[in-house]
Every structure is written in C-alpha cells, then in structure tokens.
Amino acid sequence: VQLVESGGDSVQPGGSLRLSCVASGFTVNY
C-alpha cells in the first residue's frame, strides 16, 4: 500500500504546479 506524489518542482513566484498522488495497493474511492 502506498501513495506516490509527483509534479514537484522549483518555480518563480506567481507560477503554477500540479501535484499528483497515485495510490497503489488499495483504491481511494472511499
């Protein structure tokens, strides 16, 4: 069972990022 984040980075103020969190070993539905 794990969650793995991705999408982190270094950005300038005013910038945007989108983080993702993918679950494995279980379903996050509930």
ModelCIF file with pLDDT and N, C-alpha, C, O atoms, coordinates in Angstrom:
data_MODEL
#
_entry.id   MODEL 
#
_entity.id                         1 
_entity.type                       polymer 
_entity.pdbx_number_of_molecules   1 
#
_entity_poly.entity_id                      1 
_entity_poly.type                           'polypeptide(L)' 
_entity_poly.nstd_linkage                   no 
_entity_poly.nstd_monomer                   no 
_entity_poly.pdbx_seq_one_letter_code       VQLVESGGDSVQPGGSLRLSCVASGFTVNY 
_entity_poly.pdbx_seq_one_letter_code_can   VQLVESGGDSVQPGGSLRLSCVASGFTVNY 
_entity_poly.pdbx_strand_id                 A 
#
loop_
_entity_poly_seq.entity_id 
_entity_poly_seq.num 
_entity_poly_seq.mon_id 
_entity_poly_seq.hetero 
1 1  VAL n 
1 2  GLN n 
1 3  LEU n 
1 4  VAL n 
1 5  GLU n 
1 6  SER n 
1 7  GLY n 
1 8  GLY n 
1 9  ASP n 
1 10 SER n 
1 11 VAL n 
1 12 GLN n 
1 13 PRO n 
1 14 GLY n 
1 15 GLY n 
1 16 SER n 
1 17 LEU n 
1 18 ARG n 
1 19 LEU n 
1 20 SER n 
1 21 CYS n 
1 22 VAL n 
1 23 ALA n 
1 24 SER n 
1 25 GLY n 
1 26 PHE n 
1 27 THR n 
1 28 VAL n 
1 29 ASN n 
1 30 TYR n 
#
_struct_asym.id          A 
_struct_asym.entity_id   1 
#
loop_
_ma_qa_metric.id 
_ma_qa_metric.mode 
_ma_qa_metric.name 
_ma_qa_metric.software_group_id 
_ma_qa_metric.type 
1 global pLDDT . pLDDT 
2 local  pLDDT . pLDDT 
#
_ma_qa_metric_global.metric_id      1 
_ma_qa_metric_global.metric_value   96.33 
_ma_qa_metric_global.model_id       1 
_ma_qa_metric_global.ordinal_id     1 
#
loop_
_ma_qa_metric_local.label_asym_id 
_ma_qa_metric_local.label_comp_id 
_ma_qa_metric_local.label_seq_id 
_ma_qa_metric_local.metric_id 
_ma_qa_metric_local.metric_value 
_ma_qa_metric_local.model_id 
_ma_qa_metric_local.ordinal_id 
A VAL 1  2 91.00 1 1  
A GLN 2  2 95.00 1 2  
A LEU 3  2 97.00 1 3  
A VAL 4  2 97.00 1 4  
A GLU 5  2 98.00 1 5  
A SER 6  2 97.00 1 6  
A GLY 7  2 97.00 1 7  
A GLY 8  2 96.00 1 8  
A ASP 9  2 96.00 1 9  
A SER 10 2 98.00 1 10 
A VAL 11 2 98.00 1 11 
A GLN 12 2 98.00 1 12 
A PRO 13 2 98.00 1 13 
A GLY 14 2 98.00 1 14 
A GLY 15 2 98.00 1 15 
A SER 16 2 98.00 1 16 
A LEU 17 2 98.00 1 17 
A ARG 18 2 98.00 1 18 
A LEU 19 2 98.00 1 19 
A SER 20 2 98.00 1 20 
A CYS 21 2 98.00 1 21 
A VAL 22 2 97.00 1 22 
A ALA 23 2 97.00 1 23 
A SER 24 2 96.00 1 24 
A GLY 25 2 95.00 1 25 
A PHE 26 2 93.00 1 26 
A THR 27 2 91.00 1 27 
A VAL 28 2 93.00 1 28 
A ASN 29 2 94.00 1 29 
A TYR 30 2 94.00 1 30 
#
loop_
_atom_site.group_PDB 
_atom_site.id 
_atom_site.type_symbol 
_atom_site.label_atom_id 
_atom_site.label_alt_id 
_atom_site.label_comp_id 
_atom_site.label_asym_id 
_atom_site.label_entity_id 
_atom_site.label_seq_id 
_atom_site.pdbx_PDB_ins_code 
_atom_site.Cartn_x 
_atom_site.Cartn_y 
_atom_site.Cartn_z 
_atom_site.occupancy 
_atom_site.B_iso_or_equiv 
_atom_site.pdbx_formal_charge 
_atom_site.auth_seq_id 
_atom_site.auth_comp_id 
_atom_site.auth_asym_id 
_atom_site.auth_atom_id 
_atom_site.pdbx_PDB_model_num 
ATOM 1   N N  . VAL A 1 1  ? 0.850   -1.178 0.000   1.00 91.00 ? 1  VAL A N  1 
ATOM 2   C CA . VAL A 1 1  ? 0.000   0.000  0.000   1.00 91.00 ? 1  VAL A CA 1 
ATOM 3   C C  . VAL A 1 1  ? 0.890   1.234  0.000   1.00 91.00 ? 1  VAL A C  1 
ATOM 4   O O  . VAL A 1 1  ? 1.741   1.392  0.876   1.00 91.00 ? 1  VAL A O  1 
ATOM 5   N N  . GLN A 1 2  ? 0.699   2.087  -0.960  1.00 95.00 ? 2  GLN A N  1 
ATOM 6   C CA . GLN A 1 2  ? 1.495   3.293  -0.988  1.00 95.00 ? 2  GLN A CA 1 
ATOM 7   C C  . GLN A 1 2  ? 0.819   4.393  -1.788  1.00 95.00 ? 2  GLN A C  1 
ATOM 8   O O  . GLN A 1 2  ? -0.044  4.146  -2.630  1.00 95.00 ? 2  GLN A O  1 
ATOM 9   N N  . LEU A 1 3  ? 1.237   5.606  -1.496  1.00 97.00 ? 3  LEU A N  1 
ATOM 10  C CA . LEU A 1 3  ? 0.880   6.788  -2.256  1.00 97.00 ? 3  LEU A CA 1 
ATOM 11  C C  . LEU A 1 3  ? 2.170   7.405  -2.768  1.00 97.00 ? 3  LEU A C  1 
ATOM 12  O O  . LEU A 1 3  ? 3.153   7.503  -2.033  1.00 97.00 ? 3  LEU A O  1 
ATOM 13  N N  . VAL A 1 4  ? 2.167   7.814  -4.014  1.00 97.00 ? 4  VAL A N  1 
ATOM 14  C CA . VAL A 1 4  ? 3.358   8.392  -4.616  1.00 97.00 ? 4  VAL A CA 1 
ATOM 15  C C  . VAL A 1 4  ? 3.010   9.739  -5.213  1.00 97.00 ? 4  VAL A C  1 
ATOM 16  O O  . VAL A 1 4  ? 2.147   9.843  -6.085  1.00 97.00 ? 4  VAL A O  1 
ATOM 17  N N  . GLU A 1 5  ? 3.689   10.773 -4.736  1.00 98.00 ? 5  GLU A N  1 
ATOM 18  C CA . GLU A 1 5  ? 3.490   12.119 -5.243  1.00 98.00 ? 5  GLU A CA 1 
ATOM 19  C C  . GLU A 1 5  ? 4.409   12.379 -6.433  1.00 98.00 ? 5  GLU A C  1 
ATOM 20  O O  . GLU A 1 5  ? 5.501   11.819 -6.529  1.00 98.00 ? 5  GLU A O  1 
ATOM 21  N N  . SER A 1 6  ? 3.950   13.229 -7.325  1.00 97.00 ? 6  SER A N  1 
ATOM 22  C CA . SER A 1 6  ? 4.779   13.683 -8.425  1.00 97.00 ? 6  SER A CA 1 
ATOM 23  C C  . SER A 1 6  ? 4.365   15.099 -8.793  1.00 97.00 ? 6  SER A C  1 
ATOM 24  O O  . SER A 1 6  ? 3.310   15.576 -8.376  1.00 97.00 ? 6  SER A O  1 
ATOM 25  N N  . GLY A 1 7  ? 5.194   15.760 -9.569  1.00 97.00 ? 7  GLY A N  1 
ATOM 26  C CA . GLY A 1 7  ? 4.882   17.093 -10.055 1.00 97.00 ? 7  GLY A CA 1 
ATOM 27  C C  . GLY A 1 7  ? 5.574   18.218 -9.318  1.00 97.00 ? 7  GLY A C  1 
ATOM 28  O O  . GLY A 1 7  ? 5.412   19.381 -9.687  1.00 97.00 ? 7  GLY A O  1 
ATOM 29  N N  . GLY A 1 8  ? 6.338   17.909 -8.293  1.00 96.00 ? 8  GLY A N  1 
ATOM 30  C CA . GLY A 1 8  ? 7.058   18.941 -7.579  1.00 96.00 ? 8  GLY A CA 1 
ATOM 31  C C  . GLY A 1 8  ? 8.179   19.512 -8.427  1.00 96.00 ? 8  GLY A C  1 
ATOM 32  O O  . GLY A 1 8  ? 8.751   18.826 -9.273  1.00 96.00 ? 8  GLY A O  1 
ATOM 33  N N  . ASP A 1 9  ? 8.481   20.773 -8.188  1.00 96.00 ? 9  ASP A N  1 
ATOM 34  C CA . ASP A 1 9  ? 9.498   21.441 -8.979  1.00 96.00 ? 9  ASP A CA 1 
ATOM 35  C C  . ASP A 1 9  ? 9.887   22.732 -8.282  1.00 96.00 ? 9  ASP A C  1 
ATOM 36  O O  . ASP A 1 9  ? 9.375   23.069 -7.215  1.00 96.00 ? 9  ASP A O  1 
ATOM 37  N N  . SER A 1 10 ? 10.797  23.435 -8.908  1.00 98.00 ? 10 SER A N  1 
ATOM 38  C CA . SER A 1 10 ? 11.192  24.762 -8.468  1.00 98.00 ? 10 SER A CA 1 
ATOM 39  C C  . SER A 1 10 ? 10.637  25.775 -9.453  1.00 98.00 ? 10 SER A C  1 
ATOM 40  O O  . SER A 1 10 ? 10.893  25.682 -10.653 1.00 98.00 ? 10 SER A O  1 
ATOM 41  N N  . VAL A 1 11 ? 9.876   26.743 -8.951  1.00 98.00 ? 11 VAL A N  1 
ATOM 42  C CA . VAL A 1 11 ? 9.235   27.736 -9.808  1.00 98.00 ? 11 VAL A CA 1 
ATOM 43  C C  . VAL A 1 11 ? 9.406   29.121 -9.213  1.00 98.00 ? 11 VAL A C  1 
ATOM 44  O O  . VAL A 1 11 ? 9.731   29.273 -8.035  1.00 98.00 ? 11 VAL A O  1 
ATOM 45  N N  . GLN A 1 12 ? 9.183   30.123 -10.041 1.00 98.00 ? 12 GLN A N  1 
ATOM 46  C CA . GLN A 1 12 ? 9.214   31.507 -9.584  1.00 98.00 ? 12 GLN A CA 1 
ATOM 47  C C  . GLN A 1 12 ? 7.882   31.895 -8.954  1.00 98.00 ? 12 GLN A C  1 
ATOM 48  O O  . GLN A 1 12 ? 6.854   31.285 -9.249  1.00 98.00 ? 12 GLN A O  1 
ATOM 49  N N  . PRO A 1 13 ? 7.895   32.900 -8.094  1.00 98.00 ? 13 PRO A N  1 
ATOM 50  C CA . PRO A 1 13 ? 6.622   33.392 -7.562  1.00 98.00 ? 13 PRO A CA 1 
ATOM 51  C C  . PRO A 1 13 ? 5.647   33.733 -8.677  1.00 98.00 ? 13 PRO A C  1 
ATOM 52  O O  . PRO A 1 13 ? 6.028   34.300 -9.702  1.00 98.00 ? 13 PRO A O  1 
ATOM 53  N N  . GLY A 1 14 ? 4.394   33.382 -8.465  1.00 98.00 ? 14 GLY A N  1 
ATOM 54  C CA . GLY A 1 14 ? 3.373   33.582 -9.473  1.00 98.00 ? 14 GLY A CA 1 
ATOM 55  C C  . GLY A 1 14 ? 3.186   32.403 -10.399 1.00 98.00 ? 14 GLY A C  1 
ATOM 56  O O  . GLY A 1 14 ? 2.227   32.362 -11.169 1.00 98.00 ? 14 GLY A O  1 
ATOM 57  N N  . GLY A 1 15 ? 4.080   31.454 -10.335 1.00 98.00 ? 15 GLY A N  1 
ATOM 58  C CA . GLY A 1 15 ? 3.994   30.280 -11.176 1.00 98.00 ? 15 GLY A CA 1 
ATOM 59  C C  . GLY A 1 15 ? 2.989   29.270 -10.667 1.00 98.00 ? 15 GLY A C  1 
ATOM 60  O O  . GLY A 1 15 ? 2.367   29.456 -9.621  1.00 98.00 ? 15 GLY A O  1 
ATOM 61  N N  . SER A 1 16 ? 2.840   28.198 -11.425 1.00 98.00 ? 16 SER A N  1 
ATOM 62  C CA . SER A 1 16 ? 1.874   27.155 -11.104 1.00 98.00 ? 16 SER A CA 1 
ATOM 63  C C  . SER A 1 16 ? 2.519   25.785 -11.164 1.00 98.00 ? 16 SER A C  1 
ATOM 64  O O  . SER A 1 16 ? 3.469   25.554 -11.912 1.00 98.00 ? 16 SER A O  1 
ATOM 65  N N  . LEU A 1 17 ? 1.987   24.894 -10.371 1.00 98.00 ? 17 LEU A N  1 
ATOM 66  C CA . LEU A 1 17 ? 2.370   23.499 -10.400 1.00 98.00 ? 17 LEU A CA 1 
ATOM 67  C C  . LEU A 1 17 ? 1.130   22.652 -10.175 1.00 98.00 ? 17 LEU A C  1 
ATOM 68  O O  . LEU A 1 17 ? 0.166   23.089 -9.546  1.00 98.00 ? 17 LEU A O  1 
ATOM 69  N N  . ARG A 1 18 ? 1.168   21.448 -10.693 1.00 98.00 ? 18 ARG A N  1 
ATOM 70  C CA . ARG A 1 18 ? 0.122   20.490 -10.416 1.00 98.00 ? 18 ARG A CA 1 
ATOM 71  C C  . ARG A 1 18 ? 0.745   19.239 -9.821  1.00 98.00 ? 18 ARG A C  1 
ATOM 72  O O  . ARG A 1 18 ? 1.533   18.555 -10.474 1.00 98.00 ? 18 ARG A O  1 
ATOM 73  N N  . LEU A 1 19 ? 0.392   18.948 -8.594  1.00 98.00 ? 19 LEU A N  1 
ATOM 74  C CA . LEU A 1 19 ? 0.859   17.744 -7.939  1.00 98.00 ? 19 LEU A CA 1 
ATOM 75  C C  . LEU A 1 19 ? -0.125  16.608 -8.161  1.00 98.00 ? 19 LEU A C  1 
ATOM 76  O O  . LEU A 1 19 ? -1.338  16.817 -8.185  1.00 98.00 ? 19 LEU A O  1 
ATOM 77  N N  . SER A 1 20 ? 0.403   15.419 -8.320  1.00 98.00 ? 20 SER A N  1 
ATOM 78  C CA . SER A 1 20 ? -0.410  14.219 -8.434  1.00 98.00 ? 20 SER A CA 1 
ATOM 79  C C  . SER A 1 20 ? -0.059  13.265 -7.309  1.00 98.00 ? 20 SER A C  1 
ATOM 80  O O  . SER A 1 20 ? 1.070   13.243 -6.819  1.00 98.00 ? 20 SER A O  1 
ATOM 81  N N  . CYS A 1 21 ? -1.032  12.490 -6.914  1.00 98.00 ? 21 CYS A N  1 
ATOM 82  C CA . CYS A 1 21 ? -0.858  11.494 -5.863  1.00 98.00 ? 21 CYS A CA 1 
ATOM 83  C C  . CYS A 1 21 ? -1.525  10.217 -6.332  1.00 98.00 ? 21 CYS A C  1 
ATOM 84  O O  . CYS A 1 21 ? -2.752  10.124 -6.362  1.00 98.00 ? 21 CYS A O  1 
ATOM 85  N N  . VAL A 1 22 ? -0.725  9.243  -6.694  1.00 97.00 ? 22 VAL A N  1 
ATOM 86  C CA . VAL A 1 22 ? -1.236  7.986  -7.225  1.00 97.00 ? 22 VAL A CA 1 
ATOM 87  C C  . VAL A 1 22 ? -1.187  6.917  -6.140  1.00 97.00 ? 22 VAL A C  1 
ATOM 88  O O  . VAL A 1 22 ? -0.141  6.673  -5.540  1.00 97.00 ? 22 VAL A O  1 
ATOM 89  N N  . ALA A 1 23 ? -2.318  6.291  -5.901  1.00 97.00 ? 23 ALA A N  1 
ATOM 90  C CA . ALA A 1 23 ? -2.405  5.235  -4.909  1.00 97.00 ? 23 ALA A CA 1 
ATOM 91  C C  . ALA A 1 23 ? -2.207  3.876  -5.561  1.00 97.00 ? 23 ALA A C  1 
ATOM 92  O O  . ALA A 1 23 ? -2.649  3.640  -6.686  1.00 97.00 ? 23 ALA A O  1 
ATOM 93  N N  . SER A 1 24 ? -1.547  3.000  -4.849  1.00 96.00 ? 24 SER A N  1 
ATOM 94  C CA . SER A 1 24 ? -1.416  1.619  -5.285  1.00 96.00 ? 24 SER A CA 1 
ATOM 95  C C  . SER A 1 24 ? -1.578  0.707  -4.080  1.00 96.00 ? 24 SER A C  1 
ATOM 96  O O  . SER A 1 24 ? -1.283  1.088  -2.948  1.00 96.00 ? 24 SER A O  1 
ATOM 97  N N  . GLY A 1 25 ? -2.050  -0.493 -4.344  1.00 95.00 ? 25 GLY A N  1 
ATOM 98  C CA . GLY A 1 25 ? -2.287  -1.433 -3.268  1.00 95.00 ? 25 GLY A CA 1 
ATOM 99  C C  . GLY A 1 25 ? -3.640  -1.285 -2.596  1.00 95.00 ? 25 GLY A C  1 
ATOM 100 O O  . GLY A 1 25 ? -4.027  -2.123 -1.781  1.00 95.00 ? 25 GLY A O  1 
ATOM 101 N N  . PHE A 1 26 ? -4.351  -0.240 -2.927  1.00 93.00 ? 26 PHE A N  1 
ATOM 102 C CA . PHE A 1 26 ? -5.704  -0.026 -2.451  1.00 93.00 ? 26 PHE A CA 1 
ATOM 103 C C  . PHE A 1 26 ? -6.384  0.948  -3.391  1.00 93.00 ? 26 PHE A C  1 
ATOM 104 O O  . PHE A 1 26 ? -5.723  1.607  -4.194  1.00 93.00 ? 26 PHE A O  1 
ATOM 105 N N  . THR A 1 27 ? -7.678  1.042  -3.298  1.00 91.00 ? 27 THR A N  1 
ATOM 106 C CA . THR A 1 27 ? -8.427  2.008  -4.092  1.00 91.00 ? 27 THR A CA 1 
ATOM 107 C C  . THR A 1 27 ? -8.846  3.161  -3.195  1.00 91.00 ? 27 THR A C  1 
ATOM 108 O O  . THR A 1 27 ? -9.228  2.964  -2.041  1.00 91.00 ? 27 THR A O  1 
ATOM 109 N N  . VAL A 1 28 ? -8.769  4.351  -3.737  1.00 93.00 ? 28 VAL A N  1 
ATOM 110 C CA . VAL A 1 28 ? -9.031  5.542  -2.932  1.00 93.00 ? 28 VAL A CA 1 
ATOM 111 C C  . VAL A 1 28 ? -10.489 5.965  -2.959  1.00 93.00 ? 28 VAL A C  1 
ATOM 112 O O  . VAL A 1 28 ? -10.843 6.989  -2.375  1.00 93.00 ? 28 VAL A O  1 
ATOM 113 N N  . ASN A 1 29 ? -11.335 5.204  -3.621  1.00 94.00 ? 29 ASN A N  1 
ATOM 114 C CA . ASN A 1 29 ? -12.725 5.607  -3.820  1.00 94.00 ? 29 ASN A CA 1 
ATOM 115 C C  . ASN A 1 29 ? -13.425 6.032  -2.537  1.00 94.00 ? 29 ASN A C  1 
ATOM 116 O O  . ASN A 1 29 ? -14.169 7.013  -2.523  1.00 94.00 ? 29 ASN A O  1 
ATOM 117 N N  . TYR A 1 30 ? -13.185 5.290  -1.458  1.00 94.00 ? 30 TYR A N  1 
ATOM 118 C CA . TYR A 1 30 ? -13.895 5.542  -0.211  1.00 94.00 ? 30 TYR A CA 1 
ATOM 119 C C  . TYR A 1 30 ? -13.111 6.418  0.758   1.00 94.00 ? 30 TYR A C  1 
ATOM 120 O O  . TYR A 1 30 ? -13.591 6.712  1.853   1.00 94.00 ? 30 TYR A O  1 
#
